[in-house]
PDB file of N, CA and C in Angstrom:
ATOM      1  N   MET A   1     -14.707 -45.327  62.511  1.00  0.00           N
ATOM      2  CA  MET A   1     -15.466 -45.678  61.342  1.00  0.00           C
ATOM      3  C   MET A   1     -16.349 -44.501  60.948  1.00  0.00           C
ATOM      4  N   ARG A   2     -16.348 -44.183  59.695  1.00  0.00           N
ATOM      5  CA  ARG A   2     -17.104 -43.053  59.174  1.00  0.00           C
ATOM      6  C   ARG A   2     -18.419 -43.547  58.575  1.00  0.00           C
ATOM      7  N   MET A   3     -19.542 -42.918  58.963  1.00  0.00           N
ATOM      8  CA  MET A   3     -20.842 -43.322  58.457  1.00  0.00           C
ATOM      9  C   MET A   3     -21.223 -42.451  57.269  1.00  0.00           C
ATOM     10  N   ILE A   4     -21.677 -43.094  56.216  1.00  0.00           N
ATOM     11  CA  ILE A   4     -22.126 -42.376  55.033  1.00  0.00           C
ATOM     12  C   ILE A   4     -23.646 -42.501  54.962  1.00  0.00           C
ATOM     13  N   ILE A   5     -24.308 -41.366  54.899  1.00  0.00           N
ATOM     14  CA  ILE A   5     -25.759 -41.358  54.780  1.00  0.00           C
ATOM     15  C   ILE A   5     -26.105 -40.969  53.355  1.00  0.00           C
ATOM     16  N   ARG A   6     -26.810 -41.839  52.697  1.00  0.00           N
ATOM     17  CA  ARG A   6     -27.242 -41.558  51.320  1.00  0.00           C
ATOM     18  C   ARG A   6     -28.544 -40.763  51.348  1.00  0.00           C
ATOM     19  N   MET A   7     -28.567 -39.709  50.584  1.00  0.00           N
ATOM     20  CA  MET A   7     -29.776 -38.921  50.462  1.00  0.00           C
ATOM     21  C   MET A   7     -30.588 -39.490  49.306  1.00  0.00           C
ATOM     22  N   THR A   8     -31.783 -39.884  49.608  1.00  0.00           N
ATOM     23  CA  THR A   8     -32.696 -40.393  48.596  1.00  0.00           C
ATOM     24  C   THR A   8     -33.807 -39.364  48.423  1.00  0.00           C
ATOM     25  N   PRO A   9     -34.609 -39.517  47.384  1.00  0.00           N
ATOM     26  CA  PRO A   9     -35.741 -38.586  47.254  1.00  0.00           C
ATOM     27  C   PRO A   9     -36.634 -38.593  48.500  1.00  0.00           C
ATOM     28  N   THR A  10     -36.783 -39.765  49.130  1.00  0.00           N
ATOM     29  CA  THR A  10     -37.616 -39.842  50.331  1.00  0.00           C
ATOM     30  C   THR A  10     -36.975 -39.088  51.488  1.00  0.00           C
ATOM     31  N   THR A  11     -35.680 -39.259  51.689  1.00  0.00           N
ATOM     32  CA  THR A  11     -35.038 -38.543  52.804  1.00  0.00           C
ATOM     33  C   THR A  11     -35.011 -37.047  52.518  1.00  0.00           C
ATOM     34  N   ASP A  12     -34.829 -36.669  51.259  1.00  0.00           N
ATOM     35  CA  ASP A  12     -34.902 -35.245  50.905  1.00  0.00           C
ATOM     36  C   ASP A  12     -36.277 -34.688  51.243  1.00  0.00           C
ATOM     37  N   LEU A  13     -37.309 -35.426  50.864  1.00  0.00           N
ATOM     38  CA  LEU A  13     -38.671 -34.992  51.128  1.00  0.00           C
ATOM     39  C   LEU A  13     -38.940 -34.885  52.623  1.00  0.00           C
ATOM     40  N   LEU A  14     -38.522 -35.890  53.373  1.00  0.00           N
ATOM     41  CA  LEU A  14     -38.736 -35.858  54.821  1.00  0.00           C
ATOM     42  C   LEU A  14     -37.996 -34.695  55.465  1.00  0.00           C
ATOM     43  N   GLU A  15     -36.815 -34.400  54.976  1.00  0.00           N
ATOM     44  CA  GLU A  15     -36.049 -33.260  55.502  1.00  0.00           C
ATOM     45  C   GLU A  15     -36.780 -31.950  55.211  1.00  0.00           C
ATOM     46  N   LEU A  16     -37.262 -31.785  53.992  1.00  0.00           N
ATOM     47  CA  LEU A  16     -37.986 -30.561  53.627  1.00  0.00           C
ATOM     48  C   LEU A  16     -39.282 -30.428  54.427  1.00  0.00           C
ATOM     49  N   LEU A  17     -39.988 -31.534  54.572  1.00  0.00           N
ATOM     50  CA  LEU A  17     -41.230 -31.512  55.328  1.00  0.00           C
ATOM     51  C   LEU A  17     -40.968 -31.167  56.793  1.00  0.00           C
ATOM     52  N   SER A  18     -39.916 -31.719  57.344  1.00  0.00           N
ATOM     53  CA  SER A  18     -39.540 -31.422  58.721  1.00  0.00           C
ATOM     54  C   SER A  18     -39.202 -29.941  58.885  1.00  0.00           C
ATOM     55  N   ARG A  19     -38.472 -29.404  57.928  1.00  0.00           N
ATOM     56  CA  ARG A  19     -38.115 -27.979  57.994  1.00  0.00           C
ATOM     57  C   ARG A  19     -39.352 -27.093  57.865  1.00  0.00           C
ATOM     58  N   ALA A  20     -40.283 -27.489  56.975  1.00  0.00           N
ATOM     59  CA  ALA A  20     -41.520 -26.721  56.801  1.00  0.00           C
ATOM     60  C   ALA A  20     -42.350 -26.748  58.081  1.00  0.00           C
ATOM     61  N   ALA A  21     -42.439 -27.904  58.718  1.00  0.00           N
ATOM     62  CA  ALA A  21     -43.198 -28.024  59.961  1.00  0.00           C
ATOM     63  C   ALA A  21     -42.566 -27.189  61.067  1.00  0.00           C
ATOM     64  N   LYS A  22     -41.257 -27.204  61.141  1.00  0.00           N
ATOM     65  CA  LYS A  22     -40.544 -26.404  62.144  1.00  0.00           C
ATOM     66  C   LYS A  22     -40.783 -24.916  61.909  1.00  0.00           C
ATOM     67  N   LEU A  23     -40.694 -24.488  60.656  1.00  0.00           N
ATOM     68  CA  LEU A  23     -40.935 -23.091  60.318  1.00  0.00           C
ATOM     69  C   LEU A  23     -42.362 -22.690  60.675  1.00  0.00           C
ATOM     70  N   ALA A  24     -43.321 -23.544  60.345  1.00  0.00           N
ATOM     71  CA  ALA A  24     -44.720 -23.254  60.671  1.00  0.00           C
ATOM     72  C   ALA A  24     -44.904 -23.123  62.178  1.00  0.00           C
ATOM     73  N   ALA A  25     -44.296 -24.030  62.929  1.00  0.00           N
ATOM     74  CA  ALA A  25     -44.397 -23.966  64.394  1.00  0.00           C
ATOM     75  C   ALA A  25     -43.744 -22.695  64.926  1.00  0.00           C
ATOM     76  N   ASP A  26     -42.572 -22.366  64.399  1.00  0.00           N
ATOM     77  CA  ASP A  26     -41.870 -21.158  64.840  1.00  0.00           C
ATOM     78  C   ASP A  26     -42.662 -19.890  64.545  1.00  0.00           C
ATOM     79  N   LYS A  27     -43.419 -19.907  63.449  1.00  0.00           N
ATOM     80  CA  LYS A  27     -44.208 -18.729  63.050  1.00  0.00           C
ATOM     81  C   LYS A  27     -45.597 -18.734  63.667  1.00  0.00           C
ATOM     82  N   GLY A  28     -45.907 -19.775  64.439  1.00  0.00           N
ATOM     83  CA  GLY A  28     -47.192 -19.826  65.117  1.00  0.00           C
ATOM     84  C   GLY A  28     -48.353 -20.262  64.244  1.00  0.00           C
ATOM     85  N   VAL A  29     -48.053 -20.926  63.148  1.00  0.00           N
ATOM     86  CA  VAL A  29     -49.116 -21.408  62.266  1.00  0.00           C
ATOM     87  C   VAL A  29     -49.843 -22.550  62.972  1.00  0.00           C
ATOM     88  N   ASP A  30     -51.161 -22.497  62.959  1.00  0.00           N
ATOM     89  CA  ASP A  30     -51.992 -23.528  63.557  1.00  0.00           C
ATOM     90  C   ASP A  30     -51.713 -24.878  62.891  1.00  0.00           C
ATOM     91  N   ASN A  31     -51.639 -25.938  63.692  1.00  0.00           N
ATOM     92  CA  ASN A  31     -51.350 -27.273  63.154  1.00  0.00           C
ATOM     93  C   ASN A  31     -52.336 -27.689  62.082  1.00  0.00           C
ATOM     94  N   GLU A  32     -53.618 -27.428  62.312  1.00  0.00           N
ATOM     95  CA  GLU A  32     -54.627 -27.811  61.321  1.00  0.00           C
ATOM     96  C   GLU A  32     -54.445 -27.039  60.024  1.00  0.00           C
ATOM     97  N   ALA A  33     -54.077 -25.769  60.121  1.00  0.00           N
ATOM     98  CA  ALA A  33     -53.845 -24.966  58.918  1.00  0.00           C
ATOM     99  C   ALA A  33     -52.641 -25.501  58.149  1.00  0.00           C
ATOM    100  N   PHE A  34     -51.595 -25.892  58.878  1.00  0.00           N
ATOM    101  CA  PHE A  34     -50.412 -26.462  58.229  1.00  0.00           C
ATOM    102  C   PHE A  34     -50.762 -27.767  57.524  1.00  0.00           C
ATOM    103  N   MET A  35     -51.506 -28.641  58.222  1.00  0.00           N
ATOM    104  CA  MET A  35     -51.874 -29.931  57.638  1.00  0.00           C
ATOM    105  C   MET A  35     -52.772 -29.744  56.426  1.00  0.00           C
ATOM    106  N   ALA A  36     -53.708 -28.806  56.500  1.00  0.00           N
ATOM    107  CA  ALA A  36     -54.596 -28.540  55.365  1.00  0.00           C
ATOM    108  C   ALA A  36     -53.797 -28.033  54.171  1.00  0.00           C
ATOM    109  N   ALA A  37     -52.849 -27.152  54.426  1.00  0.00           N
ATOM    110  CA  ALA A  37     -52.014 -26.625  53.337  1.00  0.00           C
ATOM    111  C   ALA A  37     -51.167 -27.735  52.727  1.00  0.00           C
ATOM    112  N   ALA A  38     -50.627 -28.613  53.564  1.00  0.00           N
ATOM    113  CA  ALA A  38     -49.818 -29.726  53.060  1.00  0.00           C
ATOM    114  C   ALA A  38     -50.676 -30.669  52.218  1.00  0.00           C
ATOM    115  N   TRP A  39     -51.882 -30.982  52.685  1.00  0.00           N
ATOM    116  CA  TRP A  39     -52.779 -31.877  51.938  1.00  0.00           C
ATOM    117  C   TRP A  39     -53.173 -31.246  50.610  1.00  0.00           C
ATOM    118  N   ASN A  40     -53.472 -29.946  50.616  1.00  0.00           N
ATOM    119  CA  ASN A  40     -53.803 -29.265  49.363  1.00  0.00           C
ATOM    120  C   ASN A  40     -52.628 -29.278  48.398  1.00  0.00           C
ATOM    121  N   ALA A  41     -51.414 -29.168  48.923  1.00  0.00           N
ATOM    122  CA  ALA A  41     -50.229 -29.229  48.064  1.00  0.00           C
ATOM    123  C   ALA A  41     -50.102 -30.609  47.428  1.00  0.00           C
ATOM    124  N   VAL A  42     -50.401 -31.662  48.193  1.00  0.00           N
ATOM    125  CA  VAL A  42     -50.376 -33.024  47.642  1.00  0.00           C
ATOM    126  C   VAL A  42     -51.408 -33.148  46.528  1.00  0.00           C
ATOM    127  N   LEU A  43     -52.621 -32.666  46.783  1.00  0.00           N
ATOM    128  CA  LEU A  43     -53.671 -32.749  45.766  1.00  0.00           C
ATOM    129  C   LEU A  43     -53.316 -31.945  44.519  1.00  0.00           C
ATOM    130  N   ASP A  44     -52.736 -30.764  44.710  1.00  0.00           N
ATOM    131  CA  ASP A  44     -52.334 -29.931  43.572  1.00  0.00           C
ATOM    132  C   ASP A  44     -51.225 -30.586  42.750  1.00  0.00           C
ATOM    133  N   ALA A  45     -50.382 -31.367  43.407  1.00  0.00           N
ATOM    134  CA  ALA A  45     -49.255 -32.009  42.727  1.00  0.00           C
ATOM    135  C   ALA A  45     -49.674 -33.242  41.928  1.00  0.00           C
ATOM    136  N   HIS A  46     -50.876 -33.741  42.172  1.00  0.00           N
ATOM    137  CA  HIS A  46     -51.363 -34.937  41.477  1.00  0.00           C
ATOM    138  C   HIS A  46     -52.645 -34.592  40.727  1.00  0.00           C
ATOM    139  N   PRO A  47     -52.524 -34.163  39.482  1.00  0.00           N
ATOM    140  CA  PRO A  47     -53.724 -33.798  38.715  1.00  0.00           C
ATOM    141  C   PRO A  47     -54.731 -34.953  38.684  1.00  0.00           C
ATOM    142  N   GLY A  48     -55.970 -34.622  38.950  1.00  0.00           N
ATOM    143  CA  GLY A  48     -57.031 -35.608  38.918  1.00  0.00           C
ATOM    144  C   GLY A  48     -57.284 -36.301  40.248  1.00  0.00           C
ATOM    145  N   MET A  49     -56.362 -36.176  41.183  1.00  0.00           N
ATOM    146  CA  MET A  49     -56.523 -36.867  42.464  1.00  0.00           C
ATOM    147  C   MET A  49     -57.704 -36.321  43.256  1.00  0.00           C
ATOM    148  N   ARG A  50     -57.860 -35.007  43.262  1.00  0.00           N
ATOM    149  CA  ARG A  50     -58.964 -34.381  44.006  1.00  0.00           C
ATOM    150  C   ARG A  50     -60.303 -34.909  43.483  1.00  0.00           C
ATOM    151  N   GLU A  51     -60.431 -34.968  42.158  1.00  0.00           N
ATOM    152  CA  GLU A  51     -61.661 -35.443  41.541  1.00  0.00           C
ATOM    153  C   GLU A  51     -61.875 -36.935  41.813  1.00  0.00           C
ATOM    154  N   ALA A  52     -60.809 -37.716  41.770  1.00  0.00           N
ATOM    155  CA  ALA A  52     -60.916 -39.152  42.035  1.00  0.00           C
ATOM    156  C   ALA A  52     -61.374 -39.402  43.476  1.00  0.00           C
ATOM    157  N   LEU A  53     -60.847 -38.636  44.417  1.00  0.00           N
ATOM    158  CA  LEU A  53     -61.253 -38.786  45.808  1.00  0.00           C
ATOM    159  C   LEU A  53     -62.705 -38.357  46.010  1.00  0.00           C
ATOM    160  N   ALA A  54     -63.105 -37.280  45.349  1.00  0.00           N
ATOM    161  CA  ALA A  54     -64.493 -36.821  45.452  1.00  0.00           C
ATOM    162  C   ALA A  54     -65.433 -37.868  44.863  1.00  0.00           C
ATOM    163  N   ASP A  55     -65.036 -38.463  43.742  1.00  0.00           N
ATOM    164  CA  ASP A  55     -65.845 -39.502  43.108  1.00  0.00           C
ATOM    165  C   ASP A  55     -65.966 -40.726  44.020  1.00  0.00           C
ATOM    166  N   ARG A  56     -64.861 -41.121  44.630  1.00  0.00           N
ATOM    167  CA  ARG A  56     -64.881 -42.256  45.556  1.00  0.00           C
ATOM    168  C   ARG A  56     -65.808 -41.981  46.742  1.00  0.00           C
ATOM    169  N   GLU A  57     -65.743 -40.770  47.277  1.00  0.00           N
ATOM    170  CA  GLU A  57     -66.599 -40.412  48.408  1.00  0.00           C
ATOM    171  C   GLU A  57     -68.069 -40.419  47.997  1.00  0.00           C
ATOM    172  N   LEU A  58     -68.379 -39.923  46.805  1.00  0.00           N
ATOM    173  CA  LEU A  58     -69.756 -39.925  46.312  1.00  0.00           C
ATOM    174  C   LEU A  58     -70.276 -41.357  46.175  1.00  0.00           C
ATOM    175  N   ARG A  59     -69.465 -42.236  45.599  1.00  0.00           N
ATOM    176  CA  ARG A  59     -69.873 -43.640  45.449  1.00  0.00           C
ATOM    177  C   ARG A  59     -70.110 -44.286  46.813  1.00  0.00           C
ATOM    178  N   LYS A  60     -69.275 -43.978  47.772  1.00  0.00           N
ATOM    179  CA  LYS A  60     -69.433 -44.504  49.130  1.00  0.00           C
ATOM    180  C   LYS A  60     -70.748 -44.030  49.737  1.00  0.00           C
ATOM    181  N   GLN A  61     -71.057 -42.747  49.555  1.00  0.00           N
ATOM    182  CA  GLN A  61     -72.297 -42.186  50.087  1.00  0.00           C
ATOM    183  C   GLN A  61     -73.509 -42.805  49.406  1.00  0.00           C
ATOM    184  N   LEU A  62     -73.449 -42.996  48.098  1.00  0.00           N
ATOM    185  CA  LEU A  62     -74.559 -43.628  47.374  1.00  0.00           C
ATOM    186  C   LEU A  62     -74.802 -45.049  47.859  1.00  0.00           C
ATOM    187  N   ARG A  63     -73.730 -45.816  48.081  1.00  0.00           N
ATOM    188  CA  ARG A  63     -73.868 -47.179  48.610  1.00  0.00           C
ATOM    189  C   ARG A  63     -74.547 -47.162  49.974  1.00  0.00           C
ATOM    190  N   ALA A  64     -74.138 -46.216  50.824  1.00  0.00           N
ATOM    191  CA  ALA A  64     -74.733 -46.113  52.158  1.00  0.00           C
ATOM    192  C   ALA A  64     -76.219 -45.784  52.056  1.00  0.00           C
ATOM    193  N   TRP A  65     -76.595 -44.863  51.175  1.00  0.00           N
ATOM    194  CA  TRP A  65     -78.003 -44.498  51.014  1.00  0.00           C
ATOM    195  C   TRP A  65     -78.818 -45.670  50.468  1.00  0.00           C
ATOM    196  N   ARG A  66     -78.217 -46.423  49.526  1.00  0.00           N
ATOM    197  CA  ARG A  66     -78.919 -47.595  48.990  1.00  0.00           C
ATOM    198  C   ARG A  66     -79.130 -48.621  50.091  1.00  0.00           C
ATOM    199  N   LYS A  67     -78.115 -48.850  50.892  1.00  0.00           N
ATOM    200  CA  LYS A  67     -78.203 -49.820  51.984  1.00  0.00           C
ATOM    201  C   LYS A  67     -79.286 -49.413  52.981  1.00  0.00           C
ATOM    202  N   GLN A  68     -79.459 -48.115  53.193  1.00  0.00           N
ATOM    203  CA  GLN A  68     -80.467 -47.596  54.122  1.00  0.00           C
ATOM    204  C   GLN A  68     -81.855 -47.529  53.474  1.00  0.00           C
ATOM    205  N   GLY A  69     -81.913 -47.817  52.171  1.00  0.00           N
ATOM    206  CA  GLY A  69     -83.190 -47.765  51.460  1.00  0.00           C
ATOM    207  C   GLY A  69     -83.629 -46.354  51.117  1.00  0.00           C
ATOM    208  N   LEU A  70     -82.714 -45.410  51.154  1.00  0.00           N
ATOM    209  CA  LEU A  70     -83.071 -44.020  50.872  1.00  0.00           C
ATOM    210  C   LEU A  70     -83.126 -43.727  49.381  1.00  0.00           C
ATOM    211  N   ILE A  71     -82.408 -44.495  48.583  1.00  0.00           N
ATOM    212  CA  ILE A  71     -82.469 -44.338  47.126  1.00  0.00           C
ATOM    213  C   ILE A  71     -82.512 -45.731  46.498  1.00  0.00           C
ATOM    214  N   GLY A  72     -83.067 -45.798  45.304  1.00  0.00           N
ATOM    215  CA  GLY A  72     -83.162 -47.073  44.606  1.00  0.00           C
ATOM    216  C   GLY A  72     -81.907 -47.391  43.816  1.00  0.00           C
ATOM    217  N   GLN A  73     -81.878 -48.605  43.334  1.00  0.00           N
ATOM    218  CA  GLN A  73     -80.759 -49.060  42.496  1.00  0.00           C
ATOM    219  C   GLN A  73     -80.985 -48.537  41.077  1.00  0.00           C
ATOM    220  N   ALA A  74     -79.949 -48.036  40.447  1.00  0.00           N
ATOM    221  CA  ALA A  74     -80.090 -47.532  39.075  1.00  0.00           C
ATOM    222  C   ALA A  74     -79.379 -48.455  38.111  1.00  0.00           C
TER     223      ALA A  74
END
């Protein structure tokens, strides 16, 4: 019996990511540097995502400060 494997965009992506990780490891790239570069590539590929995440983090910090009584409600 012959098995047919369908390549989907997800399997293509996983294959490319696996190859990139292997290349980085072979070249001695630090794992954290590889992960940071991959995360930056994700952010660069989604316009506005970096700003949305920064905004979410700011709102989270403001809620924490309000809960601690460090700033008032506006």
